[in-house]
């Protein structure tokens, strides 16, 4: 399935220009966008997979025009409205905002350090047994799509669909984004680091000897024949 955000290996987007990693933010409003997104997330109305899916659903003409943090704010606006935290009219200023029943959960300055220290671990116990081990050859699904929700969120990139790789590491059992992004439960299952040679992913790789390592859930994989 072709997705506007799934750009890996796609032709026509131009070269990737590395940025100076010492520069954390490139505009004054960028840290505010980050802070707003994190603070809104502490309201408990959505999870990280829901927020990722909201960014993916930005219209293509908007997604391609927006900068990184503009995409964050666009996705945040979507989740705020869809979860009933605010109305579309309140957000666009055509209606006076009303007091929210979530006001008491506002992330105050003194709670920030504690909240960030907790992080958001995604490892969970699961009754799904691991089918693969280090060194096993596997194949990914032939089409990178969510098999639970048509057009839904998935962490299998399009360029890796139908590719042959090797299990590099077993990470344990983790929340399945394909389910968690759509309110269908965490559905934890085995997660693996899978190594793919560049020549397996692209017809004309610039460096055929390179490898790409992807973290992939078990339901994305099958044993290679």
N, C-alpha and C. Protein backbone atom coordinates (compact mmCIF):
# COMPACT_ATOMS: atom_id res chain seq x y z
N UNK A 1 0.84 -1.19 0.00
CA UNK A 1 0.00 0.00 0.00
C UNK A 1 0.88 1.24 0.00
N UNK A 2 0.64 2.15 -0.89
CA UNK A 2 1.42 3.38 -0.97
C UNK A 2 0.89 4.38 0.05
N UNK A 3 1.78 4.93 0.87
CA UNK A 3 1.42 5.90 1.89
C UNK A 3 2.31 7.11 1.74
N UNK A 4 1.74 8.29 1.97
CA UNK A 4 2.49 9.51 1.74
C UNK A 4 3.72 9.61 2.64
N UNK A 5 3.63 9.07 3.85
CA UNK A 5 4.76 9.16 4.78
C UNK A 5 5.81 8.08 4.55
N UNK A 6 5.47 7.06 3.79
CA UNK A 6 6.35 5.90 3.61
C UNK A 6 7.31 6.18 2.45
N UNK A 7 8.35 6.97 2.72
CA UNK A 7 9.18 7.53 1.67
C UNK A 7 10.48 6.77 1.42
N UNK A 8 10.79 5.79 2.26
CA UNK A 8 12.07 5.10 2.15
C UNK A 8 12.30 4.48 0.79
N UNK A 9 13.38 4.87 0.12
CA UNK A 9 13.72 4.29 -1.16
C UNK A 9 12.89 4.77 -2.32
N UNK A 10 12.01 5.74 -2.07
CA UNK A 10 11.14 6.24 -3.14
C UNK A 10 11.93 7.19 -4.04
N UNK A 11 11.68 7.10 -5.33
CA UNK A 11 12.36 7.96 -6.29
C UNK A 11 11.67 9.32 -6.38
N UNK A 12 12.45 10.35 -6.68
CA UNK A 12 11.89 11.66 -6.97
C UNK A 12 11.83 12.62 -5.82
N UNK A 13 12.23 12.20 -4.61
CA UNK A 13 12.16 13.08 -3.45
C UNK A 13 13.46 13.82 -3.20
N UNK A 14 14.47 13.57 -4.02
CA UNK A 14 15.75 14.26 -3.85
C UNK A 14 16.62 13.59 -2.81
N UNK A 15 17.85 14.08 -2.68
CA UNK A 15 18.80 13.46 -1.73
C UNK A 15 18.44 13.77 -0.28
N UNK A 16 18.88 12.89 0.61
CA UNK A 16 18.74 13.12 2.05
C UNK A 16 19.94 13.96 2.48
N UNK A 17 19.67 15.12 3.03
CA UNK A 17 20.74 16.02 3.46
C UNK A 17 20.83 15.97 4.98
N UNK A 18 21.90 15.36 5.52
CA UNK A 18 22.03 15.27 6.98
C UNK A 18 22.12 16.65 7.62
N UNK A 19 21.47 16.80 8.76
CA UNK A 19 21.52 18.05 9.50
C UNK A 19 22.54 17.97 10.63
N UNK A 20 22.94 19.12 11.12
CA UNK A 20 23.84 19.19 12.26
C UNK A 20 23.08 18.73 13.50
N UNK A 21 23.45 17.57 14.04
CA UNK A 21 22.71 17.01 15.16
C UNK A 21 22.88 17.81 16.44
N UNK A 22 23.83 18.72 16.46
CA UNK A 22 23.99 19.57 17.64
C UNK A 22 22.89 20.62 17.73
N UNK A 23 22.23 20.87 16.62
CA UNK A 23 21.12 21.83 16.61
C UNK A 23 19.82 21.06 16.83
N UNK A 24 19.23 21.21 18.00
CA UNK A 24 18.03 20.44 18.36
C UNK A 24 16.77 21.02 17.74
N UNK A 25 16.70 22.34 17.65
CA UNK A 25 15.51 23.00 17.11
C UNK A 25 15.94 24.08 16.13
N UNK A 26 15.18 24.23 15.05
CA UNK A 26 15.55 25.18 13.99
C UNK A 26 14.67 26.42 13.96
N UNK A 27 13.73 26.51 14.87
CA UNK A 27 12.88 27.70 14.98
C UNK A 27 12.41 27.81 16.42
N UNK A 28 12.07 29.02 16.85
CA UNK A 28 11.68 29.24 18.23
C UNK A 28 10.43 28.46 18.63
N UNK A 29 9.53 28.22 17.65
CA UNK A 29 8.29 27.55 17.99
C UNK A 29 8.41 26.02 18.03
N UNK A 30 9.52 25.47 17.57
CA UNK A 30 9.68 24.01 17.55
C UNK A 30 9.64 23.40 18.96
N UNK A 31 10.40 23.92 19.94
CA UNK A 31 10.28 23.32 21.28
C UNK A 31 8.89 23.49 21.88
N UNK A 32 8.19 24.54 21.52
CA UNK A 32 6.83 24.73 22.01
C UNK A 32 5.89 23.67 21.40
N UNK A 33 6.11 23.35 20.13
CA UNK A 33 5.31 22.31 19.48
C UNK A 33 5.55 20.96 20.15
N UNK A 34 6.81 20.68 20.45
CA UNK A 34 7.15 19.42 21.13
C UNK A 34 6.51 19.39 22.51
N UNK A 35 6.64 20.48 23.26
CA UNK A 35 6.09 20.52 24.62
C UNK A 35 4.57 20.36 24.61
N UNK A 36 3.91 21.02 23.66
CA UNK A 36 2.46 20.95 23.57
C UNK A 36 2.00 19.52 23.26
N UNK A 37 2.71 18.85 22.36
CA UNK A 37 2.35 17.49 21.99
C UNK A 37 2.53 16.53 23.16
N UNK A 38 3.65 16.66 23.87
CA UNK A 38 3.91 15.80 25.02
C UNK A 38 2.90 16.07 26.13
N UNK A 39 2.62 17.35 26.40
CA UNK A 39 1.68 17.70 27.46
C UNK A 39 0.28 17.18 27.14
N UNK A 40 -0.15 17.30 25.90
CA UNK A 40 -1.48 16.81 25.52
C UNK A 40 -1.55 15.29 25.63
N UNK A 41 -0.44 14.62 25.36
CA UNK A 41 -0.41 13.17 25.47
C UNK A 41 -0.63 12.68 26.88
N UNK A 42 -0.26 13.49 27.88
CA UNK A 42 -0.45 13.07 29.28
C UNK A 42 -1.90 13.10 29.71
N UNK A 43 -2.80 13.62 28.88
CA UNK A 43 -4.22 13.61 29.20
C UNK A 43 -4.78 12.19 29.20
N UNK A 44 -4.08 11.27 28.54
CA UNK A 44 -4.48 9.88 28.56
C UNK A 44 -5.58 9.50 27.60
N UNK A 45 -5.86 10.35 26.61
CA UNK A 45 -6.94 10.06 25.66
C UNK A 45 -6.46 9.29 24.43
N UNK A 46 -5.17 9.16 24.24
CA UNK A 46 -4.67 8.41 23.10
C UNK A 46 -3.30 7.84 23.43
N UNK A 47 -2.80 6.96 22.56
CA UNK A 47 -1.47 6.39 22.74
C UNK A 47 -0.58 6.81 21.58
N UNK A 48 0.69 6.43 21.64
CA UNK A 48 1.66 6.88 20.64
C UNK A 48 1.32 6.37 19.25
N UNK A 49 0.71 5.20 19.15
CA UNK A 49 0.36 4.67 17.83
C UNK A 49 -0.81 5.43 17.22
N UNK A 50 -1.76 5.84 18.05
CA UNK A 50 -2.85 6.67 17.55
C UNK A 50 -2.31 7.99 17.04
N UNK A 51 -1.36 8.59 17.77
CA UNK A 51 -0.80 9.87 17.34
C UNK A 51 0.00 9.73 16.05
N UNK A 52 0.72 8.64 15.89
CA UNK A 52 1.46 8.41 14.65
C UNK A 52 0.50 8.26 13.47
N UNK A 53 -0.57 7.53 13.69
CA UNK A 53 -1.54 7.32 12.61
C UNK A 53 -2.20 8.63 12.21
N UNK A 54 -2.41 9.51 13.19
CA UNK A 54 -3.01 10.82 12.89
C UNK A 54 -2.09 11.62 11.96
N UNK A 55 -0.80 11.57 12.19
CA UNK A 55 0.14 12.29 11.30
C UNK A 55 0.15 11.66 9.91
N UNK A 56 0.07 10.35 9.86
CA UNK A 56 0.07 9.67 8.56
C UNK A 56 -1.15 10.06 7.72
N UNK A 57 -2.24 10.42 8.38
CA UNK A 57 -3.49 10.70 7.67
C UNK A 57 -3.62 12.14 7.22
N UNK A 58 -2.60 12.94 7.43
CA UNK A 58 -2.64 14.28 6.88
C UNK A 58 -2.78 14.19 5.35
N UNK A 59 -3.55 15.07 4.72
CA UNK A 59 -3.69 15.02 3.26
C UNK A 59 -2.31 15.11 2.60
N UNK A 60 -2.09 14.36 1.52
CA UNK A 60 -0.77 14.35 0.88
C UNK A 60 -0.21 15.73 0.55
N UNK A 61 -1.07 16.63 0.05
CA UNK A 61 -0.58 17.96 -0.31
C UNK A 61 -0.14 18.74 0.93
N UNK A 62 -0.75 18.43 2.07
CA UNK A 62 -0.36 19.08 3.33
C UNK A 62 0.89 18.42 3.89
N UNK A 63 0.89 17.10 3.90
CA UNK A 63 2.03 16.36 4.45
C UNK A 63 3.33 16.73 3.74
N UNK A 64 3.29 16.82 2.43
CA UNK A 64 4.50 17.13 1.66
C UNK A 64 4.96 18.58 1.83
N UNK A 65 4.05 19.46 2.22
CA UNK A 65 4.40 20.86 2.40
C UNK A 65 4.86 21.16 3.83
N UNK A 66 4.32 20.42 4.78
CA UNK A 66 4.60 20.69 6.19
C UNK A 66 6.03 20.32 6.57
N UNK A 67 6.59 21.07 7.49
CA UNK A 67 7.86 20.70 8.10
C UNK A 67 7.60 19.65 9.19
N UNK A 68 8.66 19.16 9.79
CA UNK A 68 8.55 18.08 10.78
C UNK A 68 7.57 18.44 11.90
N UNK A 69 7.78 19.56 12.55
CA UNK A 69 6.92 19.91 13.69
C UNK A 69 5.54 20.41 13.25
N UNK A 70 5.40 20.87 12.03
CA UNK A 70 4.07 21.17 11.52
C UNK A 70 3.26 19.88 11.40
N UNK A 71 3.91 18.79 11.00
CA UNK A 71 3.23 17.50 10.96
C UNK A 71 2.79 17.08 12.36
N UNK A 72 3.63 17.32 13.35
CA UNK A 72 3.27 17.00 14.73
C UNK A 72 2.01 17.77 15.14
N UNK A 73 1.99 19.07 14.85
CA UNK A 73 0.84 19.88 15.24
C UNK A 73 -0.42 19.50 14.47
N UNK A 74 -0.25 19.15 13.19
CA UNK A 74 -1.39 18.69 12.41
C UNK A 74 -1.98 17.41 12.97
N UNK A 75 -1.12 16.47 13.33
CA UNK A 75 -1.59 15.23 13.95
C UNK A 75 -2.22 15.47 15.30
N UNK A 76 -1.64 16.39 16.08
CA UNK A 76 -2.20 16.70 17.40
C UNK A 76 -3.60 17.30 17.26
N UNK A 77 -3.78 18.20 16.31
CA UNK A 77 -5.10 18.80 16.10
C UNK A 77 -6.13 17.71 15.78
N UNK A 78 -5.74 16.75 14.97
CA UNK A 78 -6.65 15.65 14.61
C UNK A 78 -7.03 14.83 15.84
N UNK A 79 -6.06 14.46 16.66
CA UNK A 79 -6.35 13.62 17.83
C UNK A 79 -7.15 14.38 18.88
N UNK A 80 -6.88 15.67 19.04
CA UNK A 80 -7.65 16.47 20.00
C UNK A 80 -9.13 16.49 19.63
N UNK A 81 -9.42 16.65 18.35
CA UNK A 81 -10.81 16.70 17.90
C UNK A 81 -11.44 15.31 17.93
N UNK A 82 -10.75 14.31 17.41
CA UNK A 82 -11.32 12.96 17.32
C UNK A 82 -11.58 12.34 18.69
N UNK A 83 -10.80 12.73 19.70
CA UNK A 83 -11.00 12.17 21.05
C UNK A 83 -11.90 13.05 21.90
N UNK A 84 -12.42 14.15 21.33
CA UNK A 84 -13.37 14.99 22.04
C UNK A 84 -12.78 15.91 23.07
N UNK A 85 -11.47 16.11 23.04
CA UNK A 85 -10.84 17.04 23.98
C UNK A 85 -11.26 18.47 23.66
N UNK A 86 -11.30 18.80 22.38
CA UNK A 86 -11.81 20.10 21.92
C UNK A 86 -12.68 19.85 20.69
N UNK A 87 -13.46 20.83 20.33
CA UNK A 87 -14.23 20.74 19.09
C UNK A 87 -13.44 21.42 17.97
N UNK A 88 -13.80 21.09 16.75
CA UNK A 88 -13.15 21.73 15.61
C UNK A 88 -13.37 23.25 15.65
N UNK A 89 -14.55 23.66 16.08
CA UNK A 89 -14.86 25.09 16.14
C UNK A 89 -14.04 25.80 17.21
N UNK A 90 -13.83 25.13 18.33
CA UNK A 90 -12.97 25.71 19.37
C UNK A 90 -11.54 25.85 18.87
N UNK A 91 -11.12 24.86 18.11
CA UNK A 91 -9.75 24.86 17.63
C UNK A 91 -9.51 25.93 16.58
N UNK A 92 -10.49 26.15 15.70
CA UNK A 92 -10.26 27.15 14.65
C UNK A 92 -10.74 28.56 15.05
N UNK A 93 -11.22 28.69 16.31
CA UNK A 93 -11.53 30.01 16.83
C UNK A 93 -12.90 30.54 16.48
N UNK A 94 -13.77 29.71 15.92
CA UNK A 94 -15.11 30.17 15.56
C UNK A 94 -16.12 29.95 16.69
N UNK A 95 -15.65 29.37 17.79
CA UNK A 95 -16.50 29.16 18.96
C UNK A 95 -15.66 29.35 20.21
N UNK A 96 -16.25 29.98 21.22
CA UNK A 96 -15.53 30.20 22.47
C UNK A 96 -15.27 28.85 23.16
N UNK A 97 -14.05 28.62 23.62
CA UNK A 97 -13.77 27.35 24.30
C UNK A 97 -14.49 27.25 25.64
N UNK A 98 -14.84 26.03 26.02
CA UNK A 98 -15.47 25.77 27.31
C UNK A 98 -14.50 25.04 28.22
N UNK A 99 -14.73 25.12 29.52
CA UNK A 99 -13.86 24.46 30.48
C UNK A 99 -13.93 22.95 30.28
N UNK A 100 -12.77 22.31 30.17
CA UNK A 100 -12.71 20.87 29.93
C UNK A 100 -12.70 20.13 31.25
N UNK A 101 -13.29 18.93 31.26
CA UNK A 101 -13.23 18.10 32.45
C UNK A 101 -11.84 17.49 32.64
N UNK A 102 -10.95 17.76 31.68
CA UNK A 102 -9.57 17.28 31.79
C UNK A 102 -8.64 18.34 32.36
N UNK A 103 -9.18 19.50 32.73
CA UNK A 103 -8.34 20.61 33.18
C UNK A 103 -7.47 20.23 34.37
N UNK A 104 -8.00 19.38 35.24
CA UNK A 104 -7.22 19.01 36.43
C UNK A 104 -6.03 18.12 36.09
N UNK A 105 -5.97 17.62 34.88
CA UNK A 105 -4.86 16.76 34.47
C UNK A 105 -3.78 17.53 33.72
N UNK A 106 -3.89 18.84 33.68
CA UNK A 106 -2.91 19.65 32.96
C UNK A 106 -1.51 19.35 33.48
N UNK A 107 -0.55 19.28 32.57
CA UNK A 107 0.83 18.97 32.94
C UNK A 107 1.51 20.25 33.41
N UNK A 108 1.60 20.41 34.72
CA UNK A 108 2.25 21.59 35.29
C UNK A 108 3.77 21.43 35.26
N UNK A 109 4.47 22.55 35.38
CA UNK A 109 5.94 22.55 35.27
C UNK A 109 6.59 21.61 36.26
N UNK A 110 6.07 21.55 37.48
CA UNK A 110 6.69 20.70 38.50
C UNK A 110 6.50 19.21 38.25
N UNK A 111 5.59 18.85 37.34
CA UNK A 111 5.34 17.44 37.04
C UNK A 111 6.07 16.96 35.79
N UNK A 112 6.71 17.87 35.07
CA UNK A 112 7.32 17.51 33.79
C UNK A 112 8.42 16.48 33.96
N UNK A 113 9.39 16.73 34.85
CA UNK A 113 10.53 15.83 35.02
C UNK A 113 10.08 14.43 35.40
N UNK A 114 9.12 14.35 36.33
CA UNK A 114 8.60 13.06 36.76
C UNK A 114 7.93 12.32 35.61
N UNK A 115 7.14 13.07 34.83
CA UNK A 115 6.43 12.45 33.72
C UNK A 115 7.37 11.94 32.65
N UNK A 116 8.38 12.73 32.29
CA UNK A 116 9.32 12.31 31.26
C UNK A 116 10.17 11.14 31.72
N UNK A 117 10.47 11.07 33.03
CA UNK A 117 11.30 9.98 33.55
C UNK A 117 10.61 8.63 33.43
N UNK A 118 9.28 8.66 33.44
CA UNK A 118 8.54 7.40 33.34
C UNK A 118 8.63 6.80 31.94
N UNK A 119 8.79 7.67 30.93
CA UNK A 119 8.87 7.17 29.56
C UNK A 119 7.57 6.51 29.13
N UNK A 120 7.68 5.70 28.09
CA UNK A 120 6.49 4.99 27.58
C UNK A 120 6.86 3.60 27.12
N UNK A 121 7.28 2.74 28.03
CA UNK A 121 7.70 1.39 27.62
C UNK A 121 6.57 0.65 26.91
N UNK A 122 6.94 -0.09 25.86
CA UNK A 122 5.95 -0.81 25.06
C UNK A 122 6.08 -2.32 25.18
N UNK A 123 6.98 -2.81 26.03
CA UNK A 123 7.08 -4.25 26.23
C UNK A 123 5.94 -4.71 27.14
N UNK A 124 5.33 -5.82 26.78
CA UNK A 124 4.20 -6.37 27.51
C UNK A 124 4.28 -7.89 27.50
N UNK A 125 3.74 -8.54 28.54
CA UNK A 125 3.64 -10.01 28.48
C UNK A 125 2.66 -10.42 27.40
N UNK A 126 2.89 -11.59 26.84
CA UNK A 126 2.03 -12.07 25.76
C UNK A 126 1.99 -13.58 25.76
N UNK A 127 0.85 -14.09 25.36
CA UNK A 127 0.72 -15.54 25.23
C UNK A 127 1.16 -16.05 23.88
N UNK A 128 1.64 -15.15 23.01
CA UNK A 128 2.09 -15.53 21.67
C UNK A 128 3.55 -16.00 21.75
N UNK A 129 3.80 -17.23 21.35
CA UNK A 129 5.16 -17.80 21.43
C UNK A 129 6.02 -17.27 20.28
N UNK A 130 7.30 -17.08 20.55
CA UNK A 130 8.24 -16.64 19.52
C UNK A 130 8.51 -17.79 18.56
N UNK A 131 8.37 -17.52 17.28
CA UNK A 131 8.57 -18.55 16.25
C UNK A 131 9.98 -18.55 15.66
N UNK A 132 10.72 -17.45 15.88
CA UNK A 132 12.02 -17.30 15.22
C UNK A 132 13.11 -17.03 16.25
N UNK A 133 14.34 -17.31 15.83
CA UNK A 133 15.51 -17.09 16.68
C UNK A 133 16.63 -16.50 15.83
N UNK A 134 17.67 -16.06 16.50
CA UNK A 134 18.82 -15.46 15.82
C UNK A 134 19.31 -16.34 14.66
N UNK A 135 19.48 -15.74 13.49
CA UNK A 135 20.00 -16.46 12.33
C UNK A 135 18.94 -17.05 11.42
N UNK A 136 17.68 -17.06 11.86
CA UNK A 136 16.62 -17.61 11.01
C UNK A 136 16.36 -16.71 9.80
N UNK A 137 16.13 -17.33 8.65
CA UNK A 137 15.76 -16.59 7.44
C UNK A 137 14.25 -16.39 7.42
N UNK A 138 13.81 -15.16 7.14
CA UNK A 138 12.38 -14.85 7.14
C UNK A 138 12.02 -14.04 5.91
N UNK A 139 10.74 -14.02 5.61
CA UNK A 139 10.19 -13.18 4.55
C UNK A 139 9.13 -12.28 5.16
N UNK A 140 9.09 -11.03 4.70
CA UNK A 140 8.04 -10.12 5.15
C UNK A 140 6.79 -10.31 4.29
N UNK A 141 5.69 -9.76 4.77
CA UNK A 141 4.46 -9.80 4.00
C UNK A 141 4.69 -9.22 2.61
N UNK A 142 4.01 -9.76 1.60
CA UNK A 142 4.20 -9.26 0.24
C UNK A 142 3.65 -7.85 0.03
N UNK A 143 2.71 -7.44 0.89
CA UNK A 143 2.14 -6.09 0.81
C UNK A 143 2.20 -5.48 2.20
N UNK A 144 2.71 -4.26 2.31
CA UNK A 144 2.83 -3.60 3.62
C UNK A 144 1.49 -2.98 3.99
N UNK A 145 0.62 -3.77 4.59
CA UNK A 145 -0.69 -3.26 4.97
C UNK A 145 -1.09 -3.81 6.32
N UNK A 146 -2.00 -3.13 6.96
CA UNK A 146 -2.58 -3.57 8.22
C UNK A 146 -3.63 -4.63 7.90
N UNK A 147 -3.47 -5.83 8.46
CA UNK A 147 -4.41 -6.90 8.14
C UNK A 147 -5.63 -6.89 9.07
N UNK A 148 -5.71 -5.91 9.96
CA UNK A 148 -6.83 -5.81 10.88
C UNK A 148 -7.78 -4.67 10.48
N UNK A 149 -7.21 -3.57 9.97
CA UNK A 149 -7.99 -2.39 9.61
C UNK A 149 -7.57 -1.94 8.22
N UNK A 150 -8.49 -1.90 7.29
CA UNK A 150 -8.15 -1.48 5.94
C UNK A 150 -7.62 -0.05 5.94
N UNK A 151 -6.43 0.12 5.37
CA UNK A 151 -5.81 1.44 5.35
C UNK A 151 -5.24 1.87 6.68
N UNK A 152 -5.16 0.95 7.64
CA UNK A 152 -4.73 1.28 8.99
C UNK A 152 -3.23 1.39 9.15
N UNK A 153 -2.84 1.73 10.37
CA UNK A 153 -1.44 1.95 10.71
C UNK A 153 -0.67 0.63 10.73
N UNK A 154 0.56 0.68 10.25
CA UNK A 154 1.47 -0.47 10.35
C UNK A 154 2.89 0.05 10.39
N UNK A 155 3.78 -0.74 10.99
CA UNK A 155 5.18 -0.36 11.08
C UNK A 155 6.04 -1.12 10.07
N UNK A 156 5.41 -1.82 9.16
CA UNK A 156 6.15 -2.48 8.08
C UNK A 156 6.27 -1.50 6.92
N UNK A 157 7.47 -0.99 6.63
CA UNK A 157 7.61 -0.02 5.54
C UNK A 157 7.41 -0.67 4.18
N UNK A 158 6.89 0.11 3.25
CA UNK A 158 6.58 -0.42 1.92
C UNK A 158 7.79 -0.98 1.21
N UNK A 159 8.96 -0.35 1.38
CA UNK A 159 10.14 -0.82 0.65
C UNK A 159 10.62 -2.18 1.14
N UNK A 160 10.16 -2.61 2.33
CA UNK A 160 10.59 -3.90 2.86
C UNK A 160 9.56 -5.00 2.65
N UNK A 161 8.45 -4.70 1.99
CA UNK A 161 7.42 -5.71 1.74
C UNK A 161 7.93 -6.77 0.79
N UNK A 162 7.69 -8.03 1.13
CA UNK A 162 8.10 -9.14 0.28
C UNK A 162 9.59 -9.38 0.23
N UNK A 163 10.33 -8.88 1.22
CA UNK A 163 11.79 -9.01 1.22
C UNK A 163 12.26 -10.14 2.14
N UNK A 164 13.42 -10.67 1.81
CA UNK A 164 14.02 -11.76 2.60
C UNK A 164 15.09 -11.18 3.52
N UNK A 165 14.99 -11.50 4.79
CA UNK A 165 15.96 -11.01 5.76
C UNK A 165 16.36 -12.09 6.75
N UNK A 166 17.16 -11.68 7.72
CA UNK A 166 17.68 -12.61 8.72
C UNK A 166 17.42 -12.05 10.12
N UNK A 167 16.92 -12.89 11.01
CA UNK A 167 16.67 -12.47 12.38
C UNK A 167 18.01 -12.15 13.05
N UNK A 168 18.12 -10.93 13.51
CA UNK A 168 19.34 -10.48 14.17
C UNK A 168 19.22 -10.55 15.69
N UNK A 169 18.01 -10.24 16.19
CA UNK A 169 17.81 -10.21 17.64
C UNK A 169 16.32 -10.35 17.95
N UNK A 170 16.05 -11.01 19.07
CA UNK A 170 14.68 -11.10 19.57
C UNK A 170 14.53 -10.09 20.71
N UNK A 171 13.56 -9.19 20.60
CA UNK A 171 13.39 -8.12 21.57
C UNK A 171 12.42 -8.46 22.70
N UNK A 172 11.78 -9.62 22.65
CA UNK A 172 10.71 -9.90 23.59
C UNK A 172 9.37 -9.55 22.97
N UNK A 173 8.32 -9.50 23.79
CA UNK A 173 6.99 -9.22 23.27
C UNK A 173 6.60 -7.76 23.54
N UNK A 174 6.07 -7.12 22.50
CA UNK A 174 5.76 -5.70 22.56
C UNK A 174 4.38 -5.42 21.95
N UNK A 175 3.80 -4.28 22.35
CA UNK A 175 2.51 -3.84 21.83
C UNK A 175 2.54 -3.82 20.30
N UNK A 176 1.49 -4.35 19.68
CA UNK A 176 1.39 -4.36 18.22
C UNK A 176 0.75 -3.06 17.75
N UNK A 177 1.48 -2.19 17.07
CA UNK A 177 0.92 -0.91 16.63
C UNK A 177 -0.31 -1.05 15.74
N UNK A 178 -0.35 -2.07 14.91
CA UNK A 178 -1.46 -2.27 13.98
C UNK A 178 -2.79 -2.39 14.72
N UNK A 179 -2.76 -2.88 15.94
CA UNK A 179 -3.96 -3.00 16.77
C UNK A 179 -4.12 -1.79 17.68
N UNK A 180 -3.04 -1.39 18.31
CA UNK A 180 -3.08 -0.32 19.32
C UNK A 180 -3.50 1.02 18.73
N UNK A 181 -3.18 1.26 17.47
CA UNK A 181 -3.50 2.55 16.84
C UNK A 181 -4.99 2.70 16.56
N UNK A 182 -5.75 1.61 16.69
CA UNK A 182 -7.16 1.65 16.31
C UNK A 182 -8.08 1.22 17.46
N UNK A 183 -7.56 1.28 18.69
CA UNK A 183 -8.39 0.96 19.85
C UNK A 183 -8.81 -0.49 19.93
N UNK A 184 -8.02 -1.39 19.33
CA UNK A 184 -8.36 -2.81 19.31
C UNK A 184 -7.61 -3.60 20.37
N UNK A 185 -6.92 -2.89 21.27
CA UNK A 185 -6.15 -3.56 22.30
C UNK A 185 -4.67 -3.60 21.97
N UNK A 186 -3.86 -3.89 22.98
CA UNK A 186 -2.41 -3.86 22.79
C UNK A 186 -1.89 -5.05 21.99
N UNK A 187 -2.54 -6.21 22.11
CA UNK A 187 -2.23 -7.38 21.28
C UNK A 187 -0.73 -7.65 21.17
N UNK A 188 -0.03 -7.64 22.28
CA UNK A 188 1.42 -7.81 22.27
C UNK A 188 1.84 -9.12 21.61
N UNK A 189 2.92 -9.04 20.86
CA UNK A 189 3.46 -10.22 20.19
C UNK A 189 4.97 -10.06 20.04
N UNK A 190 5.68 -11.14 19.68
CA UNK A 190 7.14 -11.08 19.54
C UNK A 190 7.59 -10.02 18.53
N UNK A 191 8.68 -9.34 18.90
CA UNK A 191 9.28 -8.30 18.07
C UNK A 191 10.73 -8.66 17.82
N UNK A 192 11.18 -8.49 16.57
CA UNK A 192 12.53 -8.88 16.18
C UNK A 192 13.25 -7.75 15.45
N UNK A 193 14.56 -7.72 15.61
CA UNK A 193 15.40 -6.92 14.72
C UNK A 193 15.76 -7.81 13.54
N UNK A 194 15.41 -7.36 12.34
CA UNK A 194 15.63 -8.15 11.13
C UNK A 194 16.58 -7.40 10.21
N UNK A 195 17.61 -8.08 9.76
CA UNK A 195 18.62 -7.47 8.89
C UNK A 195 18.34 -7.82 7.43
N UNK A 196 18.38 -6.78 6.57
CA UNK A 196 18.16 -6.96 5.14
C UNK A 196 19.34 -6.40 4.37
N UNK A 197 19.89 -7.15 3.41
CA UNK A 197 20.91 -6.55 2.53
C UNK A 197 20.26 -5.50 1.63
N UNK A 198 20.97 -4.44 1.34
CA UNK A 198 20.42 -3.37 0.49
C UNK A 198 19.96 -3.91 -0.85
N UNK A 199 20.68 -4.92 -1.37
CA UNK A 199 20.34 -5.48 -2.67
C UNK A 199 19.00 -6.22 -2.65
N UNK A 200 18.51 -6.58 -1.45
CA UNK A 200 17.22 -7.24 -1.33
C UNK A 200 16.08 -6.22 -1.34
N UNK A 201 16.38 -5.00 -0.91
CA UNK A 201 15.34 -3.98 -0.78
C UNK A 201 15.18 -3.11 -2.01
N UNK A 202 16.28 -2.89 -2.73
CA UNK A 202 16.24 -1.97 -3.87
C UNK A 202 16.92 -2.59 -5.09
N UNK A 203 16.37 -2.32 -6.25
CA UNK A 203 16.87 -2.92 -7.48
C UNK A 203 18.27 -2.43 -7.82
N UNK A 204 18.55 -1.15 -7.54
CA UNK A 204 19.85 -0.57 -7.89
C UNK A 204 20.43 0.19 -6.71
N UNK A 205 20.81 -0.53 -5.63
CA UNK A 205 21.35 0.17 -4.46
C UNK A 205 22.72 0.78 -4.77
N UNK A 206 22.93 1.96 -4.23
CA UNK A 206 24.22 2.63 -4.44
C UNK A 206 25.35 1.86 -3.77
N UNK A 207 25.04 1.23 -2.64
CA UNK A 207 26.03 0.44 -1.91
C UNK A 207 25.43 -0.93 -1.62
N UNK A 208 25.57 -1.89 -2.54
CA UNK A 208 24.92 -3.19 -2.40
C UNK A 208 25.29 -3.94 -1.14
N UNK A 209 26.47 -3.66 -0.58
CA UNK A 209 26.91 -4.38 0.62
C UNK A 209 26.32 -3.84 1.91
N UNK A 210 25.61 -2.74 1.84
CA UNK A 210 25.01 -2.17 3.05
C UNK A 210 23.88 -3.06 3.56
N UNK A 211 23.58 -2.92 4.84
CA UNK A 211 22.46 -3.61 5.46
C UNK A 211 21.51 -2.61 6.10
N UNK A 212 20.25 -2.96 6.11
CA UNK A 212 19.23 -2.17 6.80
C UNK A 212 18.61 -3.07 7.86
N UNK A 213 18.55 -2.57 9.10
CA UNK A 213 17.97 -3.34 10.20
C UNK A 213 16.65 -2.71 10.60
N UNK A 214 15.59 -3.49 10.58
CA UNK A 214 14.25 -3.03 10.92
C UNK A 214 13.71 -3.83 12.10
N UNK A 215 13.02 -3.16 13.00
CA UNK A 215 12.30 -3.86 14.07
C UNK A 215 10.92 -4.22 13.55
N UNK A 216 10.63 -5.51 13.48
CA UNK A 216 9.39 -5.98 12.86
C UNK A 216 8.68 -6.98 13.77
N UNK A 217 7.35 -6.88 13.80
CA UNK A 217 6.55 -7.78 14.62
C UNK A 217 6.36 -9.13 13.91
N UNK A 218 6.12 -10.15 14.72
CA UNK A 218 6.05 -11.52 14.20
C UNK A 218 4.97 -11.70 13.13
N UNK A 219 3.85 -11.00 13.29
CA UNK A 219 2.77 -11.16 12.31
C UNK A 219 3.13 -10.56 10.95
N UNK A 220 4.22 -9.82 10.85
CA UNK A 220 4.69 -9.31 9.57
C UNK A 220 5.56 -10.33 8.84
N UNK A 221 5.90 -11.43 9.51
CA UNK A 221 6.94 -12.33 9.01
C UNK A 221 6.45 -13.75 8.83
N UNK A 222 7.15 -14.48 7.97
CA UNK A 222 6.98 -15.93 7.86
C UNK A 222 8.35 -16.53 7.59
N UNK A 223 8.50 -17.82 7.86
CA UNK A 223 9.77 -18.47 7.60
C UNK A 223 10.05 -18.50 6.12
N UNK A 224 11.29 -18.19 5.75
CA UNK A 224 11.69 -18.22 4.34
C UNK A 224 11.90 -19.65 3.90
N UNK A 225 11.43 -19.99 2.73
CA UNK A 225 11.60 -21.35 2.23
C UNK A 225 12.98 -21.53 1.63
